[in-house]
PDB file of all heavy atoms in Angstrom:
ATOM      1  N   GLY A   1       0.525 -16.559  -1.747  1.00  0.00           N
ATOM      2  CA  GLY A   1       0.296 -15.119  -1.792  1.00  0.00           C
ATOM      3  C   GLY A   1      -0.261 -14.602  -0.486  1.00  0.00           C
ATOM      4  O   GLY A   1      -1.463 -14.731  -0.230  1.00  0.00           O
ATOM      5  N   ASP A   2       0.576 -14.046   0.360  1.00  0.00           N
ATOM      6  CA  ASP A   2       0.102 -13.445   1.607  1.00  0.00           C
ATOM      7  C   ASP A   2       0.420 -11.959   1.673  1.00  0.00           C
ATOM      8  O   ASP A   2       0.139 -11.300   2.656  1.00  0.00           O
ATOM      9  CB  ASP A   2       0.709 -14.154   2.816  1.00  0.00           C
ATOM     10  CG  ASP A   2       2.226 -13.989   2.896  1.00  0.00           C
ATOM     11  OD1 ASP A   2       2.845 -13.580   1.881  1.00  0.00           O
ATOM     12  OD2 ASP A   2       2.800 -14.277   3.965  1.00  0.00           O
ATOM     13  N   ARG A   3       1.001 -11.422   0.575  1.00  0.00           N
ATOM     14  CA  ARG A   3       1.428 -10.022   0.581  1.00  0.00           C
ATOM     15  C   ARG A   3       1.437  -9.476  -0.848  1.00  0.00           C
ATOM     16  O   ARG A   3       1.411 -10.229  -1.821  1.00  0.00           O
ATOM     17  CB  ARG A   3       2.827  -9.917   1.168  1.00  0.00           C
ATOM     18  CG  ARG A   3       3.928 -10.470   0.263  1.00  0.00           C
ATOM     19  CD  ARG A   3       5.196 -10.774   1.008  1.00  0.00           C
ATOM     20  NE  ARG A   3       5.012 -11.939   1.869  1.00  0.00           N
ATOM     21  CZ  ARG A   3       5.890 -12.324   2.788  1.00  0.00           C
ATOM     22  NH1 ARG A   3       7.020 -11.649   2.951  1.00  0.00           N
ATOM     23  NH2 ARG A   3       5.653 -13.388   3.531  1.00  0.00           N
ATOM     24  N   LEU A   4       1.496  -8.179  -0.930  1.00  0.00           N
ATOM     25  CA  LEU A   4       1.792  -7.502  -2.185  1.00  0.00           C
ATOM     26  C   LEU A   4       3.240  -7.053  -2.142  1.00  0.00           C
ATOM     27  O   LEU A   4       3.671  -6.428  -1.159  1.00  0.00           O
ATOM     28  CB  LEU A   4       0.891  -6.290  -2.386  1.00  0.00           C
ATOM     29  CG  LEU A   4      -0.598  -6.536  -2.592  1.00  0.00           C
ATOM     30  CD1 LEU A   4      -1.334  -5.206  -2.652  1.00  0.00           C
ATOM     31  CD2 LEU A   4      -0.849  -7.337  -3.850  1.00  0.00           C
ATOM     32  N   VAL A   5       3.993  -7.371  -3.170  1.00  0.00           N
ATOM     33  CA  VAL A   5       5.326  -6.807  -3.344  1.00  0.00           C
ATOM     34  C   VAL A   5       5.170  -5.636  -4.299  1.00  0.00           C
ATOM     35  O   VAL A   5       4.675  -5.794  -5.416  1.00  0.00           O
ATOM     36  CB  VAL A   5       6.317  -7.843  -3.891  1.00  0.00           C
ATOM     37  CG1 VAL A   5       7.662  -7.196  -4.196  1.00  0.00           C
ATOM     38  CG2 VAL A   5       6.490  -8.981  -2.877  1.00  0.00           C
ATOM     39  N   VAL A   6       5.562  -4.451  -3.843  1.00  0.00           N
ATOM     40  CA  VAL A   6       5.269  -3.217  -4.560  1.00  0.00           C
ATOM     41  C   VAL A   6       6.568  -2.474  -4.847  1.00  0.00           C
ATOM     42  O   VAL A   6       7.414  -2.316  -3.954  1.00  0.00           O
ATOM     43  CB  VAL A   6       4.323  -2.314  -3.738  1.00  0.00           C
ATOM     44  CG1 VAL A   6       3.931  -1.077  -4.538  1.00  0.00           C
ATOM     45  CG2 VAL A   6       3.082  -3.093  -3.307  1.00  0.00           C
ATOM     46  N   LEU A   7       6.727  -2.007  -6.080  1.00  0.00           N
ATOM     47  CA  LEU A   7       7.879  -1.217  -6.482  1.00  0.00           C
ATOM     48  C   LEU A   7       7.430   0.210  -6.747  1.00  0.00           C
ATOM     49  O   LEU A   7       6.387   0.444  -7.359  1.00  0.00           O
ATOM     50  CB  LEU A   7       8.521  -1.805  -7.743  1.00  0.00           C
ATOM     51  CG  LEU A   7       8.931  -3.274  -7.666  1.00  0.00           C
ATOM     52  CD1 LEU A   7       9.591  -3.722  -8.974  1.00  0.00           C
ATOM     53  CD2 LEU A   7       9.859  -3.541  -6.492  1.00  0.00           C
ATOM     54  N   CYS A   8       8.227   1.174  -6.274  1.00  0.00           N
ATOM     55  CA  CYS A   8       7.887   2.583  -6.438  1.00  0.00           C
ATOM     56  C   CYS A   8       9.177   3.383  -6.602  1.00  0.00           C
ATOM     57  O   CYS A   8      10.277   2.815  -6.595  1.00  0.00           O
ATOM     58  CB  CYS A   8       7.087   3.097  -5.241  1.00  0.00           C
ATOM     59  SG  CYS A   8       8.013   3.115  -3.671  1.00  0.00           S
ATOM     60  N   ARG A   9       9.048   4.678  -6.716  1.00  0.00           N
ATOM     61  CA  ARG A   9      10.221   5.529  -6.816  1.00  0.00           C
ATOM     62  C   ARG A   9      10.931   5.562  -5.467  1.00  0.00           C
ATOM     63  O   ARG A   9      10.294   5.743  -4.429  1.00  0.00           O
ATOM     64  CB  ARG A   9       9.822   6.952  -7.225  1.00  0.00           C
ATOM     65  CG  ARG A   9      11.017   7.879  -7.452  1.00  0.00           C
ATOM     66  CD  ARG A   9      10.562   9.260  -7.915  1.00  0.00           C
ATOM     67  NE  ARG A   9      11.706  10.106  -8.196  1.00  0.00           N
ATOM     68  CZ  ARG A   9      12.367  10.123  -9.344  1.00  0.00           C
ATOM     69  NH1 ARG A   9      11.979   9.339 -10.324  1.00  0.00           N
ATOM     70  NH2 ARG A   9      13.409  10.913  -9.530  1.00  0.00           N
ATOM     71  N   PRO A  10      12.266   5.371  -5.422  1.00  0.00           N
ATOM     72  CA  PRO A  10      12.987   5.449  -4.147  1.00  0.00           C
ATOM     73  C   PRO A  10      12.716   6.769  -3.429  1.00  0.00           C
ATOM     74  O   PRO A  10      12.726   7.836  -4.041  1.00  0.00           O
ATOM     75  CB  PRO A  10      14.457   5.324  -4.573  1.00  0.00           C
ATOM     76  CG  PRO A  10      14.419   4.541  -5.840  1.00  0.00           C
ATOM     77  CD  PRO A  10      13.165   5.005  -6.544  1.00  0.00           C
ATOM     78  N   GLY A  11      12.449   6.680  -2.140  1.00  0.00           N
ATOM     79  CA  GLY A  11      12.137   7.854  -1.342  1.00  0.00           C
ATOM     80  C   GLY A  11      10.647   8.080  -1.157  1.00  0.00           C
ATOM     81  O   GLY A  11      10.235   8.917  -0.353  1.00  0.00           O
ATOM     82  N   PHE A  12       9.824   7.326  -1.908  1.00  0.00           N
ATOM     83  CA  PHE A  12       8.375   7.479  -1.828  1.00  0.00           C
ATOM     84  C   PHE A  12       7.716   6.255  -1.192  1.00  0.00           C
ATOM     85  O   PHE A  12       6.511   6.054  -1.339  1.00  0.00           O
ATOM     86  CB  PHE A  12       7.785   7.732  -3.217  1.00  0.00           C
ATOM     87  CG  PHE A  12       7.991   9.128  -3.718  1.00  0.00           C
ATOM     88  CD1 PHE A  12       9.236   9.547  -4.170  1.00  0.00           C
ATOM     89  CD2 PHE A  12       6.954  10.044  -3.729  1.00  0.00           C
ATOM     90  CE1 PHE A  12       9.440  10.838  -4.624  1.00  0.00           C
ATOM     91  CE2 PHE A  12       7.140  11.342  -4.171  1.00  0.00           C
ATOM     92  CZ  PHE A  12       8.392  11.741  -4.620  1.00  0.00           C
ATOM     93  N   GLU A  13       8.496   5.460  -0.461  1.00  0.00           N
ATOM     94  CA  GLU A  13       7.939   4.246   0.131  1.00  0.00           C
ATOM     95  C   GLU A  13       6.819   4.560   1.130  1.00  0.00           C
ATOM     96  O   GLU A  13       5.784   3.878   1.154  1.00  0.00           O
ATOM     97  CB  GLU A  13       9.047   3.448   0.832  1.00  0.00           C
ATOM     98  CG  GLU A  13      10.142   2.956  -0.094  1.00  0.00           C
ATOM     99  CD  GLU A  13      11.221   4.008  -0.363  1.00  0.00           C
ATOM    100  OE1 GLU A  13      11.174   5.082   0.281  1.00  0.00           O
ATOM    101  OE2 GLU A  13      12.095   3.751  -1.205  1.00  0.00           O
ATOM    102  N   GLY A  14       7.021   5.581   1.950  1.00  0.00           N
ATOM    103  CA  GLY A  14       6.003   5.940   2.932  1.00  0.00           C
ATOM    104  C   GLY A  14       4.725   6.438   2.280  1.00  0.00           C
ATOM    105  O   GLY A  14       3.614   6.129   2.734  1.00  0.00           O
ATOM    106  N   ASP A  15       4.856   7.218   1.212  1.00  0.00           N
ATOM    107  CA  ASP A  15       3.691   7.715   0.489  1.00  0.00           C
ATOM    108  C   ASP A  15       2.942   6.564  -0.180  1.00  0.00           C
ATOM    109  O   ASP A  15       1.709   6.532  -0.204  1.00  0.00           O
ATOM    110  CB  ASP A  15       4.128   8.736  -0.552  1.00  0.00           C
ATOM    111  CG  ASP A  15       5.028   9.806   0.042  1.00  0.00           C
ATOM    112  OD1 ASP A  15       4.523  10.632   0.810  1.00  0.00           O
ATOM    113  OD2 ASP A  15       6.238   9.785  -0.250  1.00  0.00           O
ATOM    114  N   CYS A  16       3.696   5.625  -0.707  1.00  0.00           N
ATOM    115  CA  CYS A  16       3.105   4.447  -1.331  1.00  0.00           C
ATOM    116  C   CYS A  16       2.348   3.624  -0.289  1.00  0.00           C
ATOM    117  O   CYS A  16       1.227   3.160  -0.536  1.00  0.00           O
ATOM    118  CB  CYS A  16       4.209   3.620  -1.981  1.00  0.00           C
ATOM    119  SG  CYS A  16       3.622   2.308  -3.059  1.00  0.00           S
ATOM    120  N   ALA A  17       2.939   3.457   0.896  1.00  0.00           N
ATOM    121  CA  ALA A  17       2.281   2.703   1.966  1.00  0.00           C
ATOM    122  C   ALA A  17       0.990   3.384   2.401  1.00  0.00           C
ATOM    123  O   ALA A  17      -0.029   2.724   2.653  1.00  0.00           O
ATOM    124  CB  ALA A  17       3.228   2.543   3.151  1.00  0.00           C
ATOM    125  N   ALA A  18       1.013   4.712   2.499  1.00  0.00           N
ATOM    126  CA  ALA A  18      -0.194   5.446   2.876  1.00  0.00           C
ATOM    127  C   ALA A  18      -1.297   5.256   1.840  1.00  0.00           C
ATOM    128  O   ALA A  18      -2.480   5.099   2.179  1.00  0.00           O
ATOM    129  CB  ALA A  18       0.129   6.935   3.051  1.00  0.00           C
ATOM    130  N   GLU A  19      -0.917   5.264   0.578  1.00  0.00           N
ATOM    131  CA  GLU A  19      -1.901   5.040  -0.476  1.00  0.00           C
ATOM    132  C   GLU A  19      -2.501   3.647  -0.392  1.00  0.00           C
ATOM    133  O   GLU A  19      -3.723   3.467  -0.506  1.00  0.00           O
ATOM    134  CB  GLU A  19      -1.249   5.248  -1.847  1.00  0.00           C
ATOM    135  CG  GLU A  19      -2.192   4.961  -3.004  1.00  0.00           C
ATOM    136  CD  GLU A  19      -1.546   5.085  -4.373  1.00  0.00           C
ATOM    137  OE1 GLU A  19      -0.382   5.527  -4.449  1.00  0.00           O
ATOM    138  OE2 GLU A  19      -2.212   4.726  -5.366  1.00  0.00           O
ATOM    139  N   LEU A  20      -1.660   2.629  -0.183  1.00  0.00           N
ATOM    140  CA  LEU A  20      -2.147   1.260  -0.111  1.00  0.00           C
ATOM    141  C   LEU A  20      -3.093   1.074   1.070  1.00  0.00           C
ATOM    142  O   LEU A  20      -4.123   0.389   0.950  1.00  0.00           O
ATOM    143  CB  LEU A  20      -0.975   0.293  -0.003  1.00  0.00           C
ATOM    144  CG  LEU A  20      -0.031   0.237  -1.209  1.00  0.00           C
ATOM    145  CD1 LEU A  20       1.158  -0.648  -0.910  1.00  0.00           C
ATOM    146  CD2 LEU A  20      -0.765  -0.251  -2.449  1.00  0.00           C
ATOM    147  N   ALA A  21      -2.767   1.679   2.204  1.00  0.00           N
ATOM    148  CA  ALA A  21      -3.628   1.561   3.385  1.00  0.00           C
ATOM    149  C   ALA A  21      -4.995   2.180   3.108  1.00  0.00           C
ATOM    150  O   ALA A  21      -6.033   1.616   3.495  1.00  0.00           O
ATOM    151  CB  ALA A  21      -2.965   2.228   4.580  1.00  0.00           C
ATOM    152  N   GLN A  22      -5.020   3.317   2.459  1.00  0.00           N
ATOM    153  CA  GLN A  22      -6.299   3.957   2.160  1.00  0.00           C
ATOM    154  C   GLN A  22      -7.085   3.157   1.136  1.00  0.00           C
ATOM    155  O   GLN A  22      -8.300   2.992   1.256  1.00  0.00           O
ATOM    156  CB  GLN A  22      -6.087   5.380   1.657  1.00  0.00           C
ATOM    157  CG  GLN A  22      -7.401   6.095   1.331  1.00  0.00           C
ATOM    158  CD  GLN A  22      -7.219   7.575   1.085  1.00  0.00           C
ATOM    159  OE1 GLN A  22      -6.415   8.234   1.743  1.00  0.00           O
ATOM    160  NE2 GLN A  22      -7.969   8.106   0.128  1.00  0.00           N
ATOM    161  N   ARG A  23      -6.394   2.644   0.119  1.00  0.00           N
ATOM    162  CA  ARG A  23      -7.076   1.831  -0.890  1.00  0.00           C
ATOM    163  C   ARG A  23      -7.701   0.598  -0.235  1.00  0.00           C
ATOM    164  O   ARG A  23      -8.830   0.201  -0.569  1.00  0.00           O
ATOM    165  CB  ARG A  23      -6.093   1.396  -1.969  1.00  0.00           C
ATOM    166  CG  ARG A  23      -5.709   2.504  -2.932  1.00  0.00           C
ATOM    167  CD  ARG A  23      -4.646   2.036  -3.935  1.00  0.00           C
ATOM    168  NE  ARG A  23      -4.450   3.067  -4.936  1.00  0.00           N
ATOM    169  CZ  ARG A  23      -5.152   3.167  -6.060  1.00  0.00           C
ATOM    170  NH1 ARG A  23      -6.101   2.277  -6.318  1.00  0.00           N
ATOM    171  NH2 ARG A  23      -4.934   4.131  -6.915  1.00  0.00           N
ATOM    172  N   ALA A  24      -6.980  -0.035   0.684  1.00  0.00           N
ATOM    173  CA  ALA A  24      -7.513  -1.205   1.375  1.00  0.00           C
ATOM    174  C   ALA A  24      -8.748  -0.841   2.181  1.00  0.00           C
ATOM    175  O   ALA A  24      -9.762  -1.551   2.153  1.00  0.00           O
ATOM    176  CB  ALA A  24      -6.443  -1.816   2.268  1.00  0.00           C
ATOM    177  N   ALA A  25      -8.680   0.267   2.902  1.00  0.00           N
ATOM    178  CA  ALA A  25      -9.819   0.682   3.722  1.00  0.00           C
ATOM    179  C   ALA A  25     -11.049   0.948   2.864  1.00  0.00           C
ATOM    180  O   ALA A  25     -12.180   0.663   3.276  1.00  0.00           O
ATOM    181  CB  ALA A  25      -9.448   1.928   4.523  1.00  0.00           C
ATOM    182  N   GLU A  26     -10.852   1.472   1.672  1.00  0.00           N
ATOM    183  CA  GLU A  26     -11.983   1.807   0.798  1.00  0.00           C
ATOM    184  C   GLU A  26     -12.714   0.576   0.277  1.00  0.00           C
ATOM    185  O   GLU A  26     -13.859   0.690  -0.171  1.00  0.00           O
ATOM    186  CB  GLU A  26     -11.486   2.659  -0.371  1.00  0.00           C
ATOM    187  CG  GLU A  26     -11.081   4.079   0.046  1.00  0.00           C
ATOM    188  CD  GLU A  26     -10.447   4.859  -1.084  1.00  0.00           C
ATOM    189  OE1 GLU A  26     -10.178   4.245  -2.139  1.00  0.00           O
ATOM    190  OE2 GLU A  26     -10.207   6.067  -0.917  1.00  0.00           O
ATOM    191  N   VAL A  27     -12.066  -0.591   0.309  1.00  0.00           N
ATOM    192  CA  VAL A  27     -12.731  -1.817  -0.143  1.00  0.00           C
ATOM    193  C   VAL A  27     -13.012  -2.757   1.015  1.00  0.00           C
ATOM    194  O   VAL A  27     -13.267  -3.950   0.818  1.00  0.00           O
ATOM    195  CB  VAL A  27     -11.890  -2.534  -1.232  1.00  0.00           C
ATOM    196  CG1 VAL A  27     -11.747  -1.668  -2.457  1.00  0.00           C
ATOM    197  CG2 VAL A  27     -10.515  -2.946  -0.704  1.00  0.00           C
ATOM    198  N   GLY A  28     -12.964  -2.235   2.252  1.00  0.00           N
ATOM    199  CA  GLY A  28     -13.309  -3.030   3.416  1.00  0.00           C
ATOM    200  C   GLY A  28     -12.215  -3.957   3.890  1.00  0.00           C
ATOM    201  O   GLY A  28     -12.482  -4.917   4.624  1.00  0.00           O
ATOM    202  N   ALA A  29     -10.995  -3.698   3.507  1.00  0.00           N
ATOM    203  CA  ALA A  29      -9.857  -4.499   3.956  1.00  0.00           C
ATOM    204  C   ALA A  29      -9.001  -3.662   4.910  1.00  0.00           C
ATOM    205  O   ALA A  29      -9.299  -2.515   5.216  1.00  0.00           O
ATOM    206  CB  ALA A  29      -9.032  -4.986   2.767  1.00  0.00           C
ATOM    207  N   TRP A  30      -7.940  -4.219   5.350  1.00  0.00           N
ATOM    208  CA  TRP A  30      -6.981  -3.511   6.188  1.00  0.00           C
ATOM    209  C   TRP A  30      -5.607  -4.112   5.908  1.00  0.00           C
ATOM    210  O   TRP A  30      -5.467  -5.028   5.105  1.00  0.00           O
ATOM    211  CB  TRP A  30      -7.346  -3.646   7.672  1.00  0.00           C
ATOM    212  CG  TRP A  30      -7.288  -5.051   8.194  1.00  0.00           C
ATOM    213  CD1 TRP A  30      -6.234  -5.673   8.793  1.00  0.00           C
ATOM    214  CD2 TRP A  30      -8.346  -6.020   8.135  1.00  0.00           C
ATOM    215  NE1 TRP A  30      -6.567  -6.965   9.114  1.00  0.00           N
ATOM    216  CE2 TRP A  30      -7.847  -7.203   8.737  1.00  0.00           C
ATOM    217  CE3 TRP A  30      -9.650  -6.003   7.645  1.00  0.00           C
ATOM    218  CZ2 TRP A  30      -8.623  -8.354   8.848  1.00  0.00           C
ATOM    219  CZ3 TRP A  30     -10.422  -7.156   7.770  1.00  0.00           C
ATOM    220  CH2 TRP A  30      -9.908  -8.310   8.361  1.00  0.00           C
ATOM    221  N   GLY A  31      -4.602  -3.584   6.538  1.00  0.00           N
ATOM    222  CA  GLY A  31      -3.278  -4.138   6.302  1.00  0.00           C
ATOM    223  C   GLY A  31      -2.180  -3.245   6.835  1.00  0.00           C
ATOM    224  O   GLY A  31      -2.443  -2.143   7.314  1.00  0.00           O
TER     225      GLY A  31
END
């Protein structure tokens, strides 16, 4: 496990990535 494989609505990949980056930052991680 070195990654998250994430499924979302087609066309919302960038929005999903932005959410994941912010969620990571909020718990002291990055990615």
